[in-house]
């Protein structure tokens, strides 16, 4: 009894080497650039981590600057008070006319 159509023999697999060669030739440029893509992926992950850390770094620096701005008036007041104590009659009294030490 003869089957209709083609028989299944070794000849049906003649396309396999051609297919493998085609796939290999299509993948070769991608595999050649694999290290480049892997390096870029690592740089992207590093940039993402730096961006996430940047928020906390900026918050810490801003807090330090705000603390310095808050402390500056206190230092100025302390300096002025010490200058006032060093002047006879006080710096404020010397500056006002009609007071002892003023004109």
C-alpha atoms as a PDB file:
ATOM      1  CA  UNK A   1       0.000   0.000   0.000  1.00  0.00           C
ATOM      2  CA  UNK A   2       1.455   3.324  -1.081  1.00  0.00           C
ATOM      3  CA  UNK A   3       0.872   6.521   0.842  1.00  0.00           C
ATOM      4  CA  UNK A   4      -0.200   9.705  -0.791  1.00  0.00           C
ATOM      5  CA  UNK A   5       2.199  12.631  -0.635  1.00  0.00           C
ATOM      6  CA  UNK A   6       5.837  12.648   0.324  1.00  0.00           C
ATOM      7  CA  UNK A   7       7.548   9.970   2.271  1.00  0.00           C
ATOM      8  CA  UNK A   8       9.289  10.809   5.542  1.00  0.00           C
ATOM      9  CA  UNK A   9      12.941   9.999   5.096  1.00  0.00           C
ATOM     10  CA  UNK A  10      16.316  11.561   5.733  1.00  0.00           C
ATOM     11  CA  UNK A  11      15.935  13.748   2.716  1.00  0.00           C
ATOM     12  CA  UNK A  12      13.203  15.737   4.460  1.00  0.00           C
ATOM     13  CA  UNK A  13      15.781  17.028   6.882  1.00  0.00           C
ATOM     14  CA  UNK A  14      18.034  18.577   4.245  1.00  0.00           C
ATOM     15  CA  UNK A  15      16.732  22.011   5.224  1.00  0.00           C
ATOM     16  CA  UNK A  16      18.149  21.741   8.769  1.00  0.00           C
ATOM     17  CA  UNK A  17      21.742  22.798   7.959  1.00  0.00           C
ATOM     18  CA  UNK A  18      20.460  25.734   5.907  1.00  0.00           C
ATOM     19  CA  UNK A  19      18.148  26.824   8.726  1.00  0.00           C
ATOM     20  CA  UNK A  20      20.905  26.535  11.336  1.00  0.00           C
ATOM     21  CA  UNK A  21      23.315  28.497   9.135  1.00  0.00           C
ATOM     22  CA  UNK A  22      20.697  31.195   8.586  1.00  0.00           C
ATOM     23  CA  UNK A  23      19.952  31.431  12.312  1.00  0.00           C
ATOM     24  CA  UNK A  24      23.631  31.557  13.194  1.00  0.00           C
ATOM     25  CA  UNK A  25      24.321  34.262  10.619  1.00  0.00           C
ATOM     26  CA  UNK A  26      21.345  36.253  11.948  1.00  0.00           C
ATOM     27  CA  UNK A  27      22.494  35.944  15.568  1.00  0.00           C
ATOM     28  CA  UNK A  28      26.202  36.598  15.000  1.00  0.00           C
ATOM     29  CA  UNK A  29      25.928  40.424  14.989  1.00  0.00           C
ATOM     30  CA  UNK A  30      23.769  40.324  18.117  1.00  0.00           C
ATOM     31  CA  UNK A  31      26.194  38.047  19.909  1.00  0.00           C
ATOM     32  CA  UNK A  32      29.121  40.230  18.853  1.00  0.00           C
ATOM     33  CA  UNK A  33      27.445  43.240  20.478  1.00  0.00           C
ATOM     34  CA  UNK A  34      26.379  41.303  23.576  1.00  0.00           C
ATOM     35  CA  UNK A  35      29.156  42.785  25.728  1.00  0.00           C
ATOM     36  CA  UNK A  36      28.208  46.280  24.603  1.00  0.00           C
ATOM     37  CA  UNK A  37      24.567  45.751  25.508  1.00  0.00           C
ATOM     38  CA  UNK A  38      25.518  44.149  28.807  1.00  0.00           C
ATOM     39  CA  UNK A  39      27.759  47.128  29.624  1.00  0.00           C
ATOM     40  CA  UNK A  40      24.990  49.563  28.747  1.00  0.00           C
ATOM     41  CA  UNK A  41      22.541  47.662  30.940  1.00  0.00           C
ATOM     42  CA  UNK A  42      25.000  47.880  33.841  1.00  0.00           C
ATOM     43  CA  UNK A  43      25.436  51.634  33.280  1.00  0.00           C
ATOM     44  CA  UNK A  44      21.656  52.108  33.227  1.00  0.00           C
ATOM     45  CA  UNK A  45      21.294  50.234  36.515  1.00  0.00           C
ATOM     46  CA  UNK A  46      24.074  52.347  38.023  1.00  0.00           C
ATOM     47  CA  UNK A  47      22.435  55.569  36.820  1.00  0.00           C
ATOM     48  CA  UNK A  48      19.099  54.455  38.292  1.00  0.00           C
ATOM     49  CA  UNK A  49      20.767  53.778  41.642  1.00  0.00           C
ATOM     50  CA  UNK A  50      22.510  57.169  41.570  1.00  0.00           C
ATOM     51  CA  UNK A  51      19.257  58.914  40.724  1.00  0.00           C
ATOM     52  CA  UNK A  52      17.529  57.202  43.654  1.00  0.00           C
ATOM     53  CA  UNK A  53      20.381  58.203  46.001  1.00  0.00           C
ATOM     54  CA  UNK A  54      20.461  61.768  44.684  1.00  0.00           C
ATOM     55  CA  UNK A  55      17.165  62.619  46.393  1.00  0.00           C
ATOM     56  CA  UNK A  56      18.582  61.710  49.817  1.00  0.00           C
ATOM     57  CA  UNK A  57      21.920  63.407  49.121  1.00  0.00           C
ATOM     58  CA  UNK A  58      20.193  66.653  48.154  1.00  0.00           C
ATOM     59  CA  UNK A  59      17.901  66.462  51.188  1.00  0.00           C
ATOM     60  CA  UNK A  60      20.900  66.055  53.506  1.00  0.00           C
ATOM     61  CA  UNK A  61      22.763  68.963  51.891  1.00  0.00           C
ATOM     62  CA  UNK A  62      19.666  71.163  52.041  1.00  0.00           C
ATOM     63  CA  UNK A  63      19.232  70.344  55.734  1.00  0.00           C
ATOM     64  CA  UNK A  64      22.854  71.358  56.404  1.00  0.00           C
ATOM     65  CA  UNK A  65      22.360  74.639  54.548  1.00  0.00           C
ATOM     66  CA  UNK A  66      19.113  75.401  56.377  1.00  0.00           C
ATOM     67  CA  UNK A  67      20.813  74.678  59.697  1.00  0.00           C
ATOM     68  CA  UNK A  68      23.630  77.094  58.782  1.00  0.00           C
ATOM     69  CA  UNK A  69      21.117  79.780  57.775  1.00  0.00           C
ATOM     70  CA  UNK A  70      19.216  79.257  61.017  1.00  0.00           C
ATOM     71  CA  UNK A  71      22.380  79.503  63.113  1.00  0.00           C
ATOM     72  CA  UNK A  72      23.698  82.659  61.384  1.00  0.00           C
ATOM     73  CA  UNK A  73      21.278  85.119  63.081  1.00  0.00           C
ATOM     74  CA  UNK A  74      22.115  83.568  66.460  1.00  0.00           C
ATOM     75  CA  UNK A  75      25.848  84.052  65.820  1.00  0.00           C
ATOM     76  CA  UNK A  76      25.270  87.622  64.676  1.00  0.00           C
ATOM     77  CA  UNK A  77      23.216  88.395  67.780  1.00  0.00           C
ATOM     78  CA  UNK A  78      25.873  86.875  70.038  1.00  0.00           C
ATOM     79  CA  UNK A  79      28.596  88.901  68.277  1.00  0.00           C
ATOM     80  CA  UNK A  80      26.597  92.133  68.592  1.00  0.00           C
ATOM     81  CA  UNK A  81      25.883  91.498  72.261  1.00  0.00           C
ATOM     82  CA  UNK A  82      29.555  90.897  72.953  1.00  0.00           C
ATOM     83  CA  UNK A  83      30.488  94.124  71.110  1.00  0.00           C
ATOM     84  CA  UNK A  84      27.856  96.010  73.111  1.00  0.00           C
ATOM     85  CA  UNK A  85      29.261  94.711  76.383  1.00  0.00           C
ATOM     86  CA  UNK A  86      32.743  95.854  75.378  1.00  0.00           C
ATOM     87  CA  UNK A  87      31.714  99.517  74.809  1.00  0.00           C
ATOM     88  CA  UNK A  88      31.281 101.922  77.781  1.00  0.00           C
ATOM     89  CA  UNK A  89      27.624 102.788  78.010  1.00  0.00           C
ATOM     90  CA  UNK A  90      26.804 100.084  75.455  1.00  0.00           C
ATOM     91  CA  UNK A  91      26.913 100.316  71.693  1.00  0.00           C
ATOM     92  CA  UNK A  92      23.233 101.153  71.552  1.00  0.00           C
ATOM     93  CA  UNK A  93      23.587 104.033  74.044  1.00  0.00           C
ATOM     94  CA  UNK A  94      26.590 105.503  72.203  1.00  0.00           C
ATOM     95  CA  UNK A  95      24.670 105.590  68.990  1.00  0.00           C
ATOM     96  CA  UNK A  96      21.613 107.423  70.377  1.00  0.00           C
ATOM     97  CA  UNK A  97      21.853 111.215  70.779  1.00  0.00           C
ATOM     98  CA  UNK A  98      20.840 112.615  74.141  1.00  0.00           C
ATOM     99  CA  UNK A  99      22.113 109.665  76.149  1.00  0.00           C
ATOM    100  CA  UNK A 100      25.319 109.487  78.148  1.00  0.00           C
ATOM    101  CA  UNK A 101      28.079 108.786  75.615  1.00  0.00           C
ATOM    102  CA  UNK A 102      25.899 110.067  72.746  1.00  0.00           C
ATOM    103  CA  UNK A 103      26.127 113.489  71.152  1.00  0.00           C
END
